[in-house]
């Protein structure tokens, strides 16, 4: 996995988790949903990079 893509995926996942927890804490469902979406984007980016790595090995 390319280092910058891996870092970006982890950053998206972390930011998403923070948003989700913050949204739940204050009762803001929109923020919670944004957090989940951001986490999913990070997960998808990470999965894409893993597939690329597997194909190049």
C-alpha atoms as a PDB file:
ATOM      1  CA  UNK A   1       0.000   0.000   0.000  1.00  0.00           C
ATOM      2  CA  UNK A   2       1.369   3.406  -0.900  1.00  0.00           C
ATOM      3  CA  UNK A   3       2.341   5.232   2.264  1.00  0.00           C
ATOM      4  CA  UNK A   4       0.415   8.407   1.444  1.00  0.00           C
ATOM      5  CA  UNK A   5      -2.752   6.505   0.514  1.00  0.00           C
ATOM      6  CA  UNK A   6      -2.473   4.402   3.665  1.00  0.00           C
ATOM      7  CA  UNK A   7      -2.063   7.515   5.790  1.00  0.00           C
ATOM      8  CA  UNK A   8      -4.997   9.197   4.082  1.00  0.00           C
ATOM      9  CA  UNK A   9      -7.196   6.138   4.676  1.00  0.00           C
ATOM     10  CA  UNK A  10      -6.264   6.039   8.367  1.00  0.00           C
ATOM     11  CA  UNK A  11      -6.872   9.793   8.683  1.00  0.00           C
ATOM     12  CA  UNK A  12     -10.332   9.491   7.134  1.00  0.00           C
ATOM     13  CA  UNK A  13     -11.169   6.606   9.440  1.00  0.00           C
ATOM     14  CA  UNK A  14      -9.997   8.498  12.532  1.00  0.00           C
ATOM     15  CA  UNK A  15     -11.774  11.726  11.604  1.00  0.00           C
ATOM     16  CA  UNK A  16     -14.930   9.764  10.910  1.00  0.00           C
ATOM     17  CA  UNK A  17     -14.777   8.027  14.267  1.00  0.00           C
ATOM     18  CA  UNK A  18     -14.317  11.352  16.054  1.00  0.00           C
ATOM     19  CA  UNK A  19     -17.289  12.865  14.225  1.00  0.00           C
ATOM     20  CA  UNK A  20     -19.440   9.831  14.950  1.00  0.00           C
ATOM     21  CA  UNK A  21     -18.638   9.856  18.672  1.00  0.00           C
ATOM     22  CA  UNK A  22     -19.096  13.625  18.895  1.00  0.00           C
ATOM     23  CA  UNK A  23     -22.420  13.378  17.109  1.00  0.00           C
ATOM     24  CA  UNK A  24     -23.635  10.671  19.451  1.00  0.00           C
ATOM     25  CA  UNK A  25     -22.438  12.635  22.483  1.00  0.00           C
ATOM     26  CA  UNK A  26     -24.380  15.768  21.594  1.00  0.00           C
ATOM     27  CA  UNK A  27     -27.310  13.946  19.997  1.00  0.00           C
ATOM     28  CA  UNK A  28     -26.611  15.235  16.488  1.00  0.00           C
ATOM     29  CA  UNK A  29     -27.660  12.478  14.072  1.00  0.00           C
ATOM     30  CA  UNK A  30     -26.332  14.360  11.036  1.00  0.00           C
ATOM     31  CA  UNK A  31     -22.835  14.545  12.518  1.00  0.00           C
ATOM     32  CA  UNK A  32     -23.038  10.870  13.476  1.00  0.00           C
ATOM     33  CA  UNK A  33     -24.001   9.966   9.909  1.00  0.00           C
ATOM     34  CA  UNK A  34     -21.194  12.110   8.468  1.00  0.00           C
ATOM     35  CA  UNK A  35     -18.758  10.300  10.722  1.00  0.00           C
ATOM     36  CA  UNK A  36     -19.943   6.901   9.586  1.00  0.00           C
ATOM     37  CA  UNK A  37     -19.710   7.985   5.955  1.00  0.00           C
ATOM     38  CA  UNK A  38     -16.179   9.263   6.413  1.00  0.00           C
ATOM     39  CA  UNK A  39     -15.157   6.017   8.084  1.00  0.00           C
ATOM     40  CA  UNK A  40     -16.627   4.052   5.193  1.00  0.00           C
ATOM     41  CA  UNK A  41     -14.654   6.149   2.709  1.00  0.00           C
ATOM     42  CA  UNK A  42     -11.475   5.398   4.632  1.00  0.00           C
ATOM     43  CA  UNK A  43     -12.319   1.704   4.739  1.00  0.00           C
ATOM     44  CA  UNK A  44     -12.951   1.668   0.991  1.00  0.00           C
ATOM     45  CA  UNK A  45      -9.685   3.475   0.258  1.00  0.00           C
ATOM     46  CA  UNK A  46      -7.800   1.013   2.443  1.00  0.00           C
ATOM     47  CA  UNK A  47      -9.459  -1.985   0.769  1.00  0.00           C
ATOM     48  CA  UNK A  48      -8.644  -0.595  -2.687  1.00  0.00           C
ATOM     49  CA  UNK A  49      -4.992  -0.234  -1.754  1.00  0.00           C
ATOM     50  CA  UNK A  50      -4.868  -3.755  -0.332  1.00  0.00           C
ATOM     51  CA  UNK A  51      -6.236  -5.132  -3.603  1.00  0.00           C
ATOM     52  CA  UNK A  52      -3.656  -3.156  -5.581  1.00  0.00           C
ATOM     53  CA  UNK A  53      -0.913  -4.522  -3.310  1.00  0.00           C
ATOM     54  CA  UNK A  54      -2.151  -8.083  -3.748  1.00  0.00           C
ATOM     55  CA  UNK A  55      -2.158  -7.750  -7.525  1.00  0.00           C
ATOM     56  CA  UNK A  56       1.376  -6.386  -7.672  1.00  0.00           C
ATOM     57  CA  UNK A  57       2.872  -9.141  -5.506  1.00  0.00           C
END
